[in-house]
Every structure is written in structure tokens, then in C-alpha cells.
Protein backbone atom coordinates (compact mmCIF):
# COMPACT_ATOMS: atom_id res chain seq x y z
CA MET A 1 0.00 0.00 0.00
CA SER A 2 1.46 3.36 -1.05
CA ASP A 3 1.93 6.33 1.29
CA SER A 4 -0.67 8.37 -0.59
CA HIS A 5 -3.22 5.58 -0.18
CA SER A 6 -2.53 5.36 3.56
CA LEU A 7 -2.82 9.13 3.92
CA ALA A 8 -6.09 9.05 1.97
CA GLN A 9 -7.49 6.46 4.38
CA ILE A 10 -6.44 8.54 7.40
CA LEU A 11 -7.96 11.67 5.86
CA ILE A 12 -11.29 9.96 5.13
CA ARG A 13 -11.45 8.52 8.64
CA SER A 14 -10.68 11.89 10.22
CA VAL A 15 -13.23 13.80 8.14
CA ILE A 16 -16.01 11.25 8.66
CA ARG A 17 -15.43 11.32 12.42
CA ALA A 18 -15.44 15.12 12.52
CA PHE A 19 -18.58 15.87 10.51
CA HIS A 20 -20.81 12.76 10.35
CA THR A 21 -22.90 10.56 12.59
CA THR A 22 -21.81 7.42 14.41
CA GLN A 23 -23.56 5.04 12.00
CA GLU A 24 -21.91 6.71 9.00
CA VAL A 25 -18.54 6.45 10.76
CA LEU A 26 -19.07 2.71 11.33
CA ALA A 27 -20.04 2.15 7.69
CA ILE A 28 -16.90 3.88 6.40
CA GLU A 29 -14.70 2.03 8.92
CA ALA A 30 -16.12 -1.29 7.72
CA LEU A 31 -15.44 -0.40 4.07
CA VAL A 32 -11.89 0.68 4.87
CA GLN A 33 -11.25 -2.63 6.63
CA HIS A 34 -12.95 -4.94 4.11
CA SER A 35 -12.38 -2.91 0.88
CA CYS A 36 -15.73 -4.03 -0.63
CA LEU A 37 -18.94 -5.30 0.99
CA ARG A 38 -22.31 -6.45 -0.24
CA ASP A 39 -25.35 -4.74 1.24
CA ASP A 40 -26.42 -7.77 3.30
CA GLU A 41 -22.86 -8.23 4.59
CA LEU A 42 -22.59 -4.58 5.66
CA ALA A 43 -26.02 -4.79 7.27
CA TYR A 44 -24.89 -7.89 9.19
CA LEU A 45 -21.80 -6.08 10.52
CA MET A 46 -23.80 -3.00 11.56
CA LYS A 47 -26.77 -4.98 12.94
CA MET A 48 -29.21 -3.17 10.63
CA ASN A 49 -31.80 -4.21 8.09
CA THR A 50 -31.00 -3.59 4.43
CA LYS A 51 -33.69 -0.93 3.99
CA ASP A 52 -32.19 1.33 6.67
CA LEU A 53 -28.72 0.57 5.36
CA HIS A 54 -29.63 1.69 1.85
CA ARG A 55 -30.97 4.97 3.23
CA LEU A 56 -27.76 5.49 5.25
CA CYS A 57 -25.47 4.68 2.33
CA ALA A 58 -27.44 6.94 0.00
CA SER A 59 -26.39 10.00 2.04
CA LEU A 60 -22.77 8.83 2.02
CA ARG A 61 -22.96 8.25 -1.71
CA ASP A 62 -24.26 11.80 -2.25
CA ALA A 63 -21.32 13.08 -0.17
CA ARG A 64 -18.93 11.02 -2.38
CA PHE A 65 -17.64 8.96 0.54
CA LEU A 66 -18.56 5.64 -1.07
CA THR A 67 -19.48 4.22 -4.47
CA VAL A 68 -22.37 1.89 -5.28
CA HIS A 69 -22.07 -0.95 -7.79
CA THR A 70 -24.85 -3.34 -8.86
CA ARG A 71 -24.39 -6.61 -10.73
CA PRO A 72 -26.66 -9.63 -11.45
CA GLU A 73 -25.87 -12.83 -9.60
CA VAL A 74 -27.32 -16.34 -9.52
CA ILE A 75 -28.00 -17.72 -6.05
CA GLU A 76 -27.12 -21.34 -5.42
CA GLY A 77 -30.06 -23.60 -6.21
CA LYS A 78 -31.84 -21.03 -8.39
CA THR A 79 -31.72 -20.20 -12.09
CA ARG A 80 -33.12 -16.69 -12.17
CA PRO A 81 -30.49 -13.96 -11.51
CA VAL A 82 -31.03 -11.19 -8.96
CA ASN A 83 -29.32 -7.81 -8.67
CA ARG A 84 -26.90 -7.51 -5.74
CA THR A 85 -25.61 -4.17 -4.45
CA TYR A 86 -21.99 -3.64 -3.41
CA TYR A 87 -20.31 -0.71 -1.63
CA TYR A 88 -16.68 0.35 -1.85
CA ILE A 89 -14.60 3.54 -1.51
CA ASP A 90 -13.15 5.28 -4.56
CA TYR A 91 -10.31 7.13 -2.81
CA GLN A 92 -9.58 9.51 -5.69
CA GLN A 93 -13.20 10.64 -5.84
CA THR A 94 -13.48 10.99 -2.06
CA VAL A 95 -10.27 13.05 -1.75
CA ASP A 96 -11.46 15.37 -4.54
CA ALA A 97 -14.81 15.77 -2.76
CA ILE A 98 -13.06 16.73 0.49
CA LYS A 99 -10.93 19.29 -1.39
CA TRP A 100 -14.03 20.85 -2.89
CA ARG A 101 -15.81 21.05 0.48
CA VAL A 102 -12.82 22.72 2.15
CA TYR A 103 -12.53 25.24 -0.70
CA LYS A 104 -16.28 25.98 -0.73
CA THR A 105 -16.41 26.46 3.05
CA ASP A 106 -13.40 28.79 2.97
CA LYS A 107 -15.01 30.94 0.27
CA ASP A 108 -18.28 31.11 2.20
CA MET A 109 -16.48 32.22 5.36
CA GLN A 110 -14.54 34.89 3.48
CA GLY A 111 -17.85 36.34 2.31
CA ILE A 112 -19.02 36.67 5.93
CA ALA A 113 -15.95 38.66 6.98
CA LYS A 114 -16.48 42.43 6.58
CA PRO A 115 -14.01 44.57 4.63
CA GLN A 116 -11.45 46.53 6.63
CA ASP A 117 -12.82 49.94 5.53
CA GLU A 118 -16.12 49.28 7.30
CA SER A 119 -14.60 48.79 10.76
CA LYS A 120 -15.46 51.32 13.51
CA GLU A 121 -12.28 53.28 14.28
CA TYR A 122 -13.59 55.57 17.07
CA SER A 123 -15.55 54.75 20.23
CA CYS A 124 -17.25 57.00 22.79
CA PRO A 125 -16.20 56.42 26.46
CA ARG A 126 -19.51 57.86 27.71
CA CYS A 127 -22.26 56.17 25.61
CA LYS A 128 -20.08 53.32 24.26
CA SER A 129 -21.10 54.01 20.66
CA GLN A 130 -18.70 53.39 17.76
CA TRP A 131 -18.18 55.56 14.69
CA THR A 132 -16.16 55.48 11.53
CA GLN A 133 -13.83 58.30 10.59
CA LEU A 134 -16.09 59.28 7.69
CA GLU A 135 -19.11 59.63 10.01
CA VAL A 136 -17.42 61.99 12.55
CA LEU A 137 -15.45 63.96 10.01
CA ASP A 138 -17.71 67.02 10.31
CA SER A 139 -17.93 66.83 14.15
CA VAL A 140 -14.52 68.01 15.28
CA SER A 141 -13.17 70.18 18.09
CA ILE A 142 -9.79 71.30 19.43
CA GLU A 143 -9.54 68.12 21.55
CA GLY A 144 -10.54 65.82 18.70
CA PHE A 145 -13.60 64.24 17.14
CA LEU A 146 -16.87 64.50 19.05
CA CYS A 147 -19.56 61.86 19.49
CA LEU A 148 -22.61 62.49 17.36
CA ARG A 149 -24.89 61.23 20.13
CA CYS A 150 -23.56 62.81 23.37
CA GLU A 151 -20.84 65.16 22.01
CA ALA A 152 -18.12 63.59 24.15
CA VAL A 153 -14.57 63.40 22.86
CA LEU A 154 -14.09 60.14 20.99
CA GLU A 155 -11.25 57.76 21.62
CA ARG A 156 -9.52 55.84 18.89
CA SER A 157 -10.35 52.18 19.41
CA GLN A 158 -7.59 49.62 19.58
CA GLU A 159 -7.07 47.28 16.64
CA GLN A 160 -9.39 44.34 17.15
CA GLU A 161 -10.40 41.49 14.95
CA GLN A 162 -13.86 41.63 13.42
CA PRO A 163 -16.41 38.83 14.05
CA GLY A 164 -16.17 37.57 10.46
CA HIS A 165 -12.41 37.34 10.65
CA GLN A 166 -12.65 35.52 13.96
CA GLN A 167 -14.86 32.83 12.38
CA LEU A 168 -12.49 32.54 9.44
CA SER A 169 -9.48 32.15 11.76
CA ARG A 170 -11.32 29.54 13.83
CA MET A 171 -12.26 27.60 10.70
CA ASN A 172 -8.66 27.66 9.44
CA ASN A 173 -7.47 26.27 12.77
CA GLN A 174 -10.07 23.50 12.73
CA PHE A 175 -9.41 22.58 9.08
CA LYS A 176 -5.63 22.66 9.47
CA PHE A 177 -5.33 18.87 9.81
CA MET A 178 -7.23 18.42 6.51
CA THR A 179 -5.29 21.02 4.56
CA ASP A 180 -1.96 19.61 5.78
CA MET A 181 -2.88 16.04 4.75
CA LEU A 182 -4.25 17.23 1.41
CA GLN A 183 -0.92 18.90 0.67
CA GLN A 184 0.90 15.67 1.53
CA ILE A 185 -1.45 13.60 -0.64
CA ASP A 186 -0.94 15.95 -3.59
CA LYS A 187 2.79 15.19 -3.49
CA GLY A 188 2.06 11.58 -4.41
CA LEU A 189 -0.51 9.75 -6.51
CA VAL A 190 -3.57 8.07 -5.08
CA PRO A 191 -4.04 4.75 -6.93
CA GLU A 192 -7.20 4.29 -8.92
CA CYS A 193 -9.83 2.12 -7.26
CA SER A 194 -12.51 0.32 -9.27
CA PHE A 195 -15.04 -2.33 -8.34
CA ASP A 196 -12.99 -5.15 -9.84
CA LYS A 197 -9.89 -4.13 -7.88
CA ALA A 198 -11.86 -3.63 -4.67
CA ILE A 199 -13.65 -7.01 -4.88
CA ALA A 200 -10.39 -8.78 -5.71
CA VAL A 201 -8.76 -7.72 -2.39
CA ALA A 202 -11.96 -7.80 -0.32
CA ARG A 203 -11.74 -9.29 3.14
CA PRO A 204 -14.40 -12.02 3.59
CA ILE A 205 -17.06 -11.83 6.28
CA VAL A 206 -17.16 -14.63 8.85
CA ARG A 207 -20.78 -15.27 9.78
CA GLU A 208 -22.22 -17.28 12.59
CA ALA A 209 -23.89 -20.57 11.76
CA MET A 210 -27.39 -19.21 12.29
CA HIS A 211 -26.73 -16.27 9.95
CA GLU A 212 -25.29 -18.21 7.03
CA VAL A 213 -26.61 -17.29 3.55
CA LEU A 214 -26.50 -19.12 0.24
CA ALA A 215 -23.55 -18.39 -1.99
CA SER A 216 -24.12 -16.48 -5.22
CA VAL A 217 -22.18 -16.41 -8.46
CA PRO A 218 -22.02 -13.53 -10.97
CA VAL A 219 -23.98 -14.10 -14.17
CA GLU A 220 -20.89 -13.86 -16.38
CA ASP A 221 -19.27 -16.65 -14.33
CA ALA A 222 -22.35 -18.86 -14.11
CA GLY A 223 -21.78 -20.61 -17.44
CA GLY A 224 -24.65 -18.89 -19.23
CA MET A 225 -27.18 -19.47 -16.42
CA GLY A 226 -29.85 -16.87 -16.20
CA LYS A 227 -29.20 -15.48 -19.64
CA PRO A 228 -32.30 -15.10 -21.82
CA SER A 229 -32.45 -17.46 -24.80
CA ALA A 230 -34.17 -16.98 -28.12
CA VAL A 231 -37.54 -18.69 -28.66
CA LYS A 232 -37.97 -20.44 -31.98
CA GLY A 233 -40.65 -18.91 -34.15
CA LEU A 234 -40.65 -15.55 -32.40
CA ALA A 235 -37.71 -14.01 -34.19
CA ASN A 236 -38.24 -11.02 -36.44
CA MET A 237 -41.84 -10.55 -35.33
CA GLY A 238 -41.60 -6.80 -34.98
CA PRO A 239 -42.07 -4.24 -37.73
CA LYS A 240 -39.14 -3.72 -40.03
CA THR A 241 -39.63 -0.02 -40.45
CA MET A 242 -41.68 2.61 -38.74
CA GLN A 243 -42.93 5.85 -40.23
CA VAL A 244 -44.34 8.65 -38.14
CA THR A 245 -46.41 11.40 -39.77
CA ILE A 246 -47.23 14.50 -37.79
CA SER A 247 -50.12 16.62 -39.08
CA ASP A 248 -51.53 19.85 -37.72
CA GLY A 249 -55.06 19.21 -39.05
CA ASN A 250 -54.79 21.07 -42.38
CA GLU A 251 -54.82 17.88 -44.46
CA GLU A 252 -56.91 19.36 -47.27
CA ALA A 253 -54.54 22.30 -47.69
CA GLU A 254 -51.62 19.91 -47.68
CA LEU A 255 -53.21 17.77 -50.40
CA ILE A 256 -53.84 20.84 -52.58
CA GLU A 257 -50.27 22.00 -52.08
CA SER A 258 -48.97 18.50 -52.90
CA ARG A 259 -51.07 18.39 -56.09
CA LYS A 260 -49.72 21.79 -57.15
CA ARG A 261 -46.17 20.62 -56.57
CA LYS A 262 -46.75 17.55 -58.73
CA GLU A 263 -48.29 19.64 -61.55
CA ARG A 264 -45.41 22.09 -61.39
CA PHE A 265 -42.95 19.21 -61.49
CA LEU A 266 -44.66 17.74 -64.56
CA ARG A 267 -44.61 21.09 -66.35
CA GLU A 268 -40.96 21.64 -65.61
CA ASN A 269 -40.00 18.14 -66.80
CA ALA A 270 -42.32 17.93 -69.83
CA LEU A 271 -40.79 16.80 -73.18
CA PRO A 272 -40.36 19.44 -75.91
CA SER A 273 -42.82 19.64 -78.78
CA TRP A 274 -40.28 18.50 -81.37
CA ILE A 275 -40.21 15.12 -79.60
CA THR A 276 -43.88 14.67 -78.83
CA ASP A 277 -45.23 15.92 -82.25
CA SER A 278 -44.58 13.98 -85.52
CA SER A 279 -42.97 15.72 -88.52
CA VAL A 280 -45.22 13.84 -91.01
CA PRO A 281 -48.56 15.69 -91.46
CA ALA A 282 -51.68 13.62 -90.90
CA PRO A 283 -54.22 13.29 -93.84
CA ALA A 284 -57.19 15.64 -93.73
CA ALA A 285 -60.44 14.01 -92.76
CA THR A 286 -63.14 13.98 -95.50
CA ALA A 287 -66.81 14.29 -94.79
CA ALA A 288 -68.95 11.22 -95.56
CA PRO A 289 -71.13 11.67 -98.71
CA PRO A 290 -74.85 11.95 -98.15
CA VAL A 291 -76.91 8.87 -98.91
CA VAL A 292 -80.37 9.21 -100.56
CA SER A 293 -82.64 6.22 -100.92
CA PHE A 294 -86.02 5.89 -102.65
CA GLU A 295 -88.35 3.17 -103.96
CA MET A 296 -90.21 2.82 -107.35
CA ARG A 297 -93.88 2.03 -107.01
CA ASP A 298 -96.96 1.80 -109.35
CA ALA A 299 -98.61 4.88 -110.80
CA ASP A 300 -101.58 4.57 -108.48
CA GLY A 301 -99.22 4.63 -105.57
CA GLY A 302 -99.98 1.10 -104.45
CA ASP A 303 -97.68 -1.76 -104.22
CA GLY A 304 -99.96 -3.99 -106.40
CA GLY A 305 -98.61 -6.96 -104.60
CA ARG A 306 -95.14 -6.20 -105.98
CA VAL A 307 -92.15 -4.38 -104.72
CA GLY A 308 -90.25 -2.27 -107.16
CA LYS A 309 -86.55 -1.43 -107.38
CA ARG A 310 -84.83 0.39 -104.46
CA VAL A 311 -82.18 2.92 -105.56
CA LYS A 312 -79.52 4.57 -103.39
CA VAL A 313 -77.80 7.73 -104.53
CA GLU A 314 -74.26 8.20 -103.17
CA GLY A 315 -72.63 11.50 -103.82
CA GLU A 316 -73.55 13.41 -106.91
CA MET A 317 -73.06 10.97 -109.81
CA SER A 318 -73.09 7.56 -108.15
CA PHE A 319 -76.14 5.38 -108.43
CA LYS A 320 -76.68 1.98 -106.93
CA ILE A 321 -79.73 -0.18 -107.48
CA GLU A 322 -80.44 -2.83 -104.96
CA GLU A 323 -82.90 -5.65 -105.50
CA ASP A 324 -85.37 -6.31 -102.79
CA GLU A 325 -84.93 -9.45 -100.84
CA GLU A 326 -88.07 -10.83 -102.51
CA ASP A 327 -86.70 -11.25 -106.06
CA ASP A 328 -88.96 -14.14 -106.99
CA LEU A 329 -92.20 -12.54 -108.35
CA GLU A 330 -95.24 -14.65 -108.99
CA PHE A 331 -97.40 -13.94 -112.15
CA GLU A 332 -100.78 -15.37 -113.14
CA ASP A 333 -101.26 -17.03 -116.54
CA VAL A 334 -103.45 -15.14 -119.08
CA VAL A 335 -106.07 -17.29 -120.89
């Protein structure tokens, strides 16, 4: 163990004894002795239940006096892993936290101390009032400055320390052991402390027979126990992609705007006329000739039992004679 590490342990012990409760002192002493403890082990040493211990260690964690680490473990005889909580001290972090607290307290105390120009330089022997030189500057006589209250000759007060400076001096005297050790620690290097290093050098807890607990093994060392396995047939059941559309309610306006964009896009990318139109002129369309049809009948206007010729006139000079479907005419013999 290096000298800086030993000094860091002494510093942490001294600070925790000076500013914290007895239970917090016992918790830090146990962690210094055992390097790393599980929550049930620390509760066994302190004769507390784990719920109260977690509340106690939470305040120490916020003050940076200890570090919390959680890892899954498999208890002997079971297959489902459970999360176990461990506590250890990160000495680099704790020393830095102590430095910050000393610096912050010193700055707060310096703010309480009043500046030297505000001190009362003159005091009245009759009414015991105190005045600054600026206040009695216009109340002067042959014998000296006069009191503004009873007009007695003022006496110059002896140099005395102000209340704020007294508190600052008292704080410096009380914090001297911390500042001296911090200076010694800064001359060396505090080794880094992680959970793996702390658990590797941890001092085991010897329990009584009636307080024995089942051993537990970390999940990574349990040979794959407790790890979730894939279920056949349930792979790739989720959606491949997801699309989220956010609309403010103006869907109709959006559709109109989208239609205008498409029309504008088509106009801008339309093919030129020399590609779409053919260079060969198309033949002019001719109007269909009128068709006139009529039938030839007898002079009396009757059919006479016969149907005459039906003639169609196409155009101006075209004639077409069509026979009626009943071409076979029957005639009577003349005697």
C-alpha cells in the first residue's frame, strides 16, 4: 500500500469522524477494513436491516464517501439472476470531494468577513457608541472628534479582529489537519480504485452458523445461467420499419399543395414539342357523302302486290340499285 493511499485512508477517517454521525462512521470504517462489501454483509456487521442501510449509504454516496455498484448474480439452487448491491470507496473521488468542500467552506467564510474599511475606528467612552472616521469627520473640536450622540470626545479604538475574521481564523485552525494532509497527498498519486480491484482484495465476512446465507455467483461466471435465450418462431416478429407522420389538421390544404407541386414538377420536366409531335402531317379528314334512298312504285301509288326497285344515290353521280330481298315474283297465266 502506497503512502498516498494510507494518507487518503487517514484523511477519510478523520473527516467522517469530525462531521458525520456514528452510523456513517461505522459504515466507512467497515469499508476501509474490508475494501468491498455487499449490502447484506454490511447490514450484518452493523446490525441493521438492508432498507435502513440503503438509506444510510445513500447519504454517504451523495457526499462522495462511497461508491455503489450493482451486478446480477445467480444464487445457489436457483436459475433466475437477482441484482446484488456492493459498496466500496473510490479514494480519488473521495479526496477530490473533500478538497471541494474545504474550498467551498473557505469561500463562504470569506464572504461573511467584513471589509477593513467598514470597521469602527472611534468609540465613545460615555455612551459606548462606535463611529467610523467618515461619520465623525464634520464633528470636530480642538480636543478631537466628538460623538454624534452625546458630544463627548471620541477615543480611537484599539485594533481588534472583526467577528467575520474571527470565524475565518477559527475555521482555518479547525481545518488545518485536513489542509496539511491534502498537501501531503498531492505530493504523491492516489491509486485508482474500481469495483474489480476492490472485490479482488476484499476481506471475507465470517458469519455465525445461524446467519449463514446461500452463496451467489455472478452471471458472467455462471456458465450462461440466467441469460435469456431466443424462442424459436418468435424471431423477427416486430415491424421492419416505422414511419411517423405528424399533421396539424390542415390535411386538405396539404393535399392541394402537394397536387400543385406535382403539376409544377410535370410542367418543368415535360418533353419538348419536337419530340412529342410527328414531322409527317396527318391526312385531312373527309366528310362522308350523303346517302339518298327511294323506292319505285306503281302509278296509283300502291304496291300492287309487288315491290319495285330500291335505288340509293351516293354522292352526286353515283347510283346503286339494290334488288329487294323478294326477287322471286309470282305472275298469273293469261287465258
